[in-house]
Amino acid sequence: MRGAGAILRPAARGARPFCDGSHFFQRTGLSPLKFKAQETRMVALCTCKATQRPPYCDGTHRSERVQKAEVGSPL
């Protein structure tokens, strides 16, 4: 990618940072977050939805609260 924009890399291995619409069918309470990259640089997008800086990963997934959460429970 040349010019303005970000090089997007998911924070979690195998995660999909782009909306596939599945939240509508699974009733997750989540909705897409539209954003525009302001500069060209490497970033990690949050895929755990626990970040305090959406859409960017802030490392919250490493916290004890997130690590001890049960699979499928809201964060």
N, C-alpha and C. Protein backbone atom coordinates (compact mmCIF):
# COMPACT_ATOMS: atom_id res chain seq x y z
N MET A 1 0.85 -1.17 0.00
CA MET A 1 0.00 0.00 0.00
C MET A 1 0.89 1.23 0.00
N ARG A 2 0.64 2.13 -0.89
CA ARG A 2 1.42 3.36 -0.96
C ARG A 2 0.55 4.53 -0.58
N GLY A 3 1.17 5.60 -0.10
CA GLY A 3 0.42 6.78 0.28
C GLY A 3 -0.15 6.64 1.68
N ALA A 4 -1.24 7.36 1.94
CA ALA A 4 -1.85 7.35 3.27
C ALA A 4 -2.53 6.02 3.54
N GLY A 5 -2.54 5.62 4.78
CA GLY A 5 -3.20 4.39 5.18
C GLY A 5 -2.32 3.60 6.11
N ALA A 6 -2.88 2.60 6.71
CA ALA A 6 -2.14 1.78 7.66
C ALA A 6 -1.94 0.39 7.10
N ILE A 7 -0.88 -0.25 7.51
CA ILE A 7 -0.67 -1.65 7.21
C ILE A 7 -1.31 -2.40 8.37
N LEU A 8 -2.37 -3.11 8.12
CA LEU A 8 -3.14 -3.72 9.19
C LEU A 8 -2.71 -5.16 9.41
N ARG A 9 -2.51 -5.48 10.68
CA ARG A 9 -2.14 -6.83 11.05
C ARG A 9 -2.95 -7.19 12.29
N PRO A 10 -3.70 -8.28 12.26
CA PRO A 10 -4.50 -8.64 13.44
C PRO A 10 -3.62 -8.92 14.65
N ALA A 11 -4.13 -8.57 15.84
CA ALA A 11 -3.37 -8.77 17.07
C ALA A 11 -3.29 -10.23 17.45
N ALA A 12 -4.32 -10.99 17.17
CA ALA A 12 -4.34 -12.40 17.54
C ALA A 12 -4.12 -13.26 16.30
N ARG A 13 -3.37 -14.32 16.46
CA ARG A 13 -3.06 -15.20 15.34
C ARG A 13 -4.36 -15.82 14.80
N GLY A 14 -4.57 -15.71 13.51
CA GLY A 14 -5.74 -16.29 12.87
C GLY A 14 -6.98 -15.43 13.01
N ALA A 15 -6.89 -14.28 13.66
CA ALA A 15 -8.05 -13.41 13.84
C ALA A 15 -8.36 -12.69 12.54
N ARG A 16 -9.61 -12.30 12.40
CA ARG A 16 -10.03 -11.58 11.21
C ARG A 16 -10.45 -10.18 11.60
N PRO A 17 -9.67 -9.16 11.23
CA PRO A 17 -9.96 -7.80 11.68
C PRO A 17 -11.10 -7.14 10.92
N PHE A 18 -11.55 -7.73 9.82
CA PHE A 18 -12.57 -7.10 9.01
C PHE A 18 -13.94 -7.70 9.28
N CYS A 19 -14.95 -6.87 9.26
CA CYS A 19 -16.32 -7.29 9.56
C CYS A 19 -16.83 -8.29 8.53
N ASP A 20 -17.37 -9.41 9.02
CA ASP A 20 -17.99 -10.39 8.11
C ASP A 20 -19.50 -10.47 8.34
N GLY A 21 -20.01 -9.61 9.22
CA GLY A 21 -21.45 -9.56 9.46
C GLY A 21 -21.97 -10.60 10.43
N SER A 22 -21.12 -11.49 10.94
CA SER A 22 -21.59 -12.58 11.79
C SER A 22 -22.19 -12.09 13.11
N HIS A 23 -21.78 -10.90 13.57
CA HIS A 23 -22.32 -10.38 14.83
C HIS A 23 -23.82 -10.13 14.74
N PHE A 24 -24.34 -9.87 13.54
CA PHE A 24 -25.78 -9.67 13.38
C PHE A 24 -26.54 -10.97 13.63
N PHE A 25 -25.97 -12.08 13.19
CA PHE A 25 -26.66 -13.36 13.29
C PHE A 25 -26.45 -14.04 14.64
N GLN A 26 -25.33 -13.77 15.28
CA GLN A 26 -25.01 -14.40 16.55
C GLN A 26 -25.45 -13.56 17.74
N ARG A 27 -25.98 -12.38 17.50
CA ARG A 27 -26.46 -11.47 18.56
C ARG A 27 -25.42 -11.25 19.64
N THR A 28 -24.27 -10.80 19.23
CA THR A 28 -23.15 -10.58 20.15
C THR A 28 -23.22 -9.25 20.89
N GLY A 29 -24.04 -8.33 20.38
CA GLY A 29 -24.07 -6.99 20.95
C GLY A 29 -22.97 -6.11 20.39
N LEU A 30 -22.18 -6.65 19.49
CA LEU A 30 -21.08 -5.90 18.87
C LEU A 30 -21.55 -5.28 17.57
N SER A 31 -20.90 -4.23 17.15
CA SER A 31 -21.18 -3.64 15.86
C SER A 31 -19.87 -3.21 15.23
N PRO A 32 -19.86 -3.07 13.91
CA PRO A 32 -18.61 -2.68 13.24
C PRO A 32 -18.15 -1.29 13.68
N LEU A 33 -16.86 -1.08 13.66
CA LEU A 33 -16.27 0.21 13.98
C LEU A 33 -15.54 0.70 12.74
N LYS A 34 -16.07 1.71 12.12
CA LYS A 34 -15.47 2.26 10.91
C LYS A 34 -14.42 3.29 11.34
N PHE A 35 -13.24 3.22 10.73
CA PHE A 35 -12.21 4.20 11.04
C PHE A 35 -11.37 4.45 9.80
N LYS A 36 -10.68 5.56 9.80
CA LYS A 36 -9.81 5.92 8.69
C LYS A 36 -8.40 6.10 9.24
N ALA A 37 -7.45 5.37 8.67
CA ALA A 37 -6.06 5.48 9.09
C ALA A 37 -5.55 6.88 8.76
N GLN A 38 -4.86 7.50 9.70
CA GLN A 38 -4.36 8.86 9.53
C GLN A 38 -2.93 8.91 8.98
N GLU A 39 -2.21 7.78 9.06
CA GLU A 39 -0.84 7.75 8.59
C GLU A 39 -0.48 6.32 8.20
N THR A 40 0.60 6.18 7.47
CA THR A 40 1.07 4.86 7.07
C THR A 40 2.05 4.35 8.12
N ARG A 41 1.68 3.26 8.80
CA ARG A 41 2.55 2.64 9.79
C ARG A 41 1.97 1.27 10.14
N MET A 42 2.76 0.43 10.78
CA MET A 42 2.33 -0.89 11.21
C MET A 42 1.49 -0.74 12.47
N VAL A 43 0.32 -1.35 12.49
CA VAL A 43 -0.56 -1.32 13.66
C VAL A 43 -1.12 -2.70 13.92
N ALA A 44 -1.59 -2.93 15.13
CA ALA A 44 -2.30 -4.17 15.47
C ALA A 44 -3.72 -3.79 15.84
N LEU A 45 -4.68 -4.42 15.19
CA LEU A 45 -6.08 -4.17 15.52
C LEU A 45 -6.53 -5.12 16.61
N CYS A 46 -7.34 -4.62 17.53
CA CYS A 46 -7.85 -5.44 18.62
C CYS A 46 -8.90 -6.40 18.10
N THR A 47 -8.77 -7.65 18.44
CA THR A 47 -9.80 -8.63 18.06
C THR A 47 -10.45 -9.25 19.29
N CYS A 48 -10.00 -8.88 20.49
CA CYS A 48 -10.62 -9.42 21.71
C CYS A 48 -11.73 -8.50 22.20
N LYS A 49 -11.80 -7.30 21.68
CA LYS A 49 -12.81 -6.29 22.01
C LYS A 49 -12.69 -5.75 23.43
N ALA A 50 -11.54 -5.91 24.08
CA ALA A 50 -11.34 -5.42 25.44
C ALA A 50 -10.47 -4.17 25.50
N THR A 51 -9.96 -3.73 24.37
CA THR A 51 -9.06 -2.58 24.33
C THR A 51 -9.74 -1.30 24.80
N GLN A 52 -8.95 -0.39 25.31
CA GLN A 52 -9.44 0.94 25.67
C GLN A 52 -9.18 1.94 24.54
N ARG A 53 -8.56 1.46 23.45
CA ARG A 53 -8.23 2.33 22.31
C ARG A 53 -8.74 1.76 21.00
N PRO A 54 -10.03 1.45 20.86
CA PRO A 54 -10.52 0.86 19.62
C PRO A 54 -10.20 1.74 18.42
N PRO A 55 -9.84 1.18 17.33
CA PRO A 55 -9.78 -0.23 16.97
C PRO A 55 -8.42 -0.87 17.24
N TYR A 56 -7.53 -0.14 17.91
CA TYR A 56 -6.16 -0.61 18.08
C TYR A 56 -5.96 -1.47 19.33
N CYS A 57 -5.11 -2.47 19.23
CA CYS A 57 -4.76 -3.32 20.36
C CYS A 57 -3.91 -2.53 21.34
N ASP A 58 -4.26 -2.61 22.63
CA ASP A 58 -3.46 -1.95 23.66
C ASP A 58 -2.86 -2.95 24.64
N GLY A 59 -2.95 -4.24 24.32
CA GLY A 59 -2.38 -5.27 25.16
C GLY A 59 -3.29 -5.75 26.28
N THR A 60 -4.52 -5.26 26.34
CA THR A 60 -5.46 -5.65 27.39
C THR A 60 -5.67 -7.15 27.42
N HIS A 61 -5.53 -7.82 26.28
CA HIS A 61 -5.74 -9.27 26.22
C HIS A 61 -4.77 -10.03 27.11
N ARG A 62 -3.70 -9.39 27.52
CA ARG A 62 -2.73 -10.04 28.41
C ARG A 62 -3.11 -9.94 29.89
N SER A 63 -4.13 -9.15 30.20
CA SER A 63 -4.50 -8.93 31.60
C SER A 63 -5.08 -10.20 32.23
N GLU A 64 -4.97 -10.29 33.53
CA GLU A 64 -5.49 -11.46 34.26
C GLU A 64 -6.99 -11.59 34.05
N ARG A 65 -7.71 -10.47 34.04
CA ARG A 65 -9.16 -10.48 33.85
C ARG A 65 -9.55 -11.16 32.53
N VAL A 66 -8.85 -10.82 31.47
CA VAL A 66 -9.16 -11.41 30.16
C VAL A 66 -8.67 -12.85 30.09
N GLN A 67 -7.49 -13.13 30.59
CA GLN A 67 -6.93 -14.48 30.53
C GLN A 67 -7.76 -15.48 31.33
N LYS A 68 -8.39 -15.04 32.42
CA LYS A 68 -9.18 -15.94 33.26
C LYS A 68 -10.66 -15.99 32.87
N ALA A 69 -11.06 -15.19 31.89
CA ALA A 69 -12.47 -15.16 31.47
C ALA A 69 -12.83 -16.50 30.81
N GLU A 70 -14.07 -16.92 31.03
CA GLU A 70 -14.52 -18.15 30.39
C GLU A 70 -14.79 -17.89 28.92
N VAL A 71 -14.57 -18.89 28.10
CA VAL A 71 -14.79 -18.78 26.67
C VAL A 71 -16.26 -18.41 26.43
N GLY A 72 -16.48 -17.39 25.63
CA GLY A 72 -17.83 -16.98 25.29
C GLY A 72 -18.44 -15.98 26.25
N SER A 73 -17.77 -15.68 27.37
CA SER A 73 -18.32 -14.72 28.32
C SER A 73 -17.95 -13.31 27.88
N PRO A 74 -18.81 -12.32 28.18
CA PRO A 74 -18.48 -10.95 27.78
C PRO A 74 -17.30 -10.43 28.60
N LEU A 75 -16.49 -9.59 27.96
CA LEU A 75 -15.34 -9.01 28.65
C LEU A 75 -15.77 -7.68 29.20
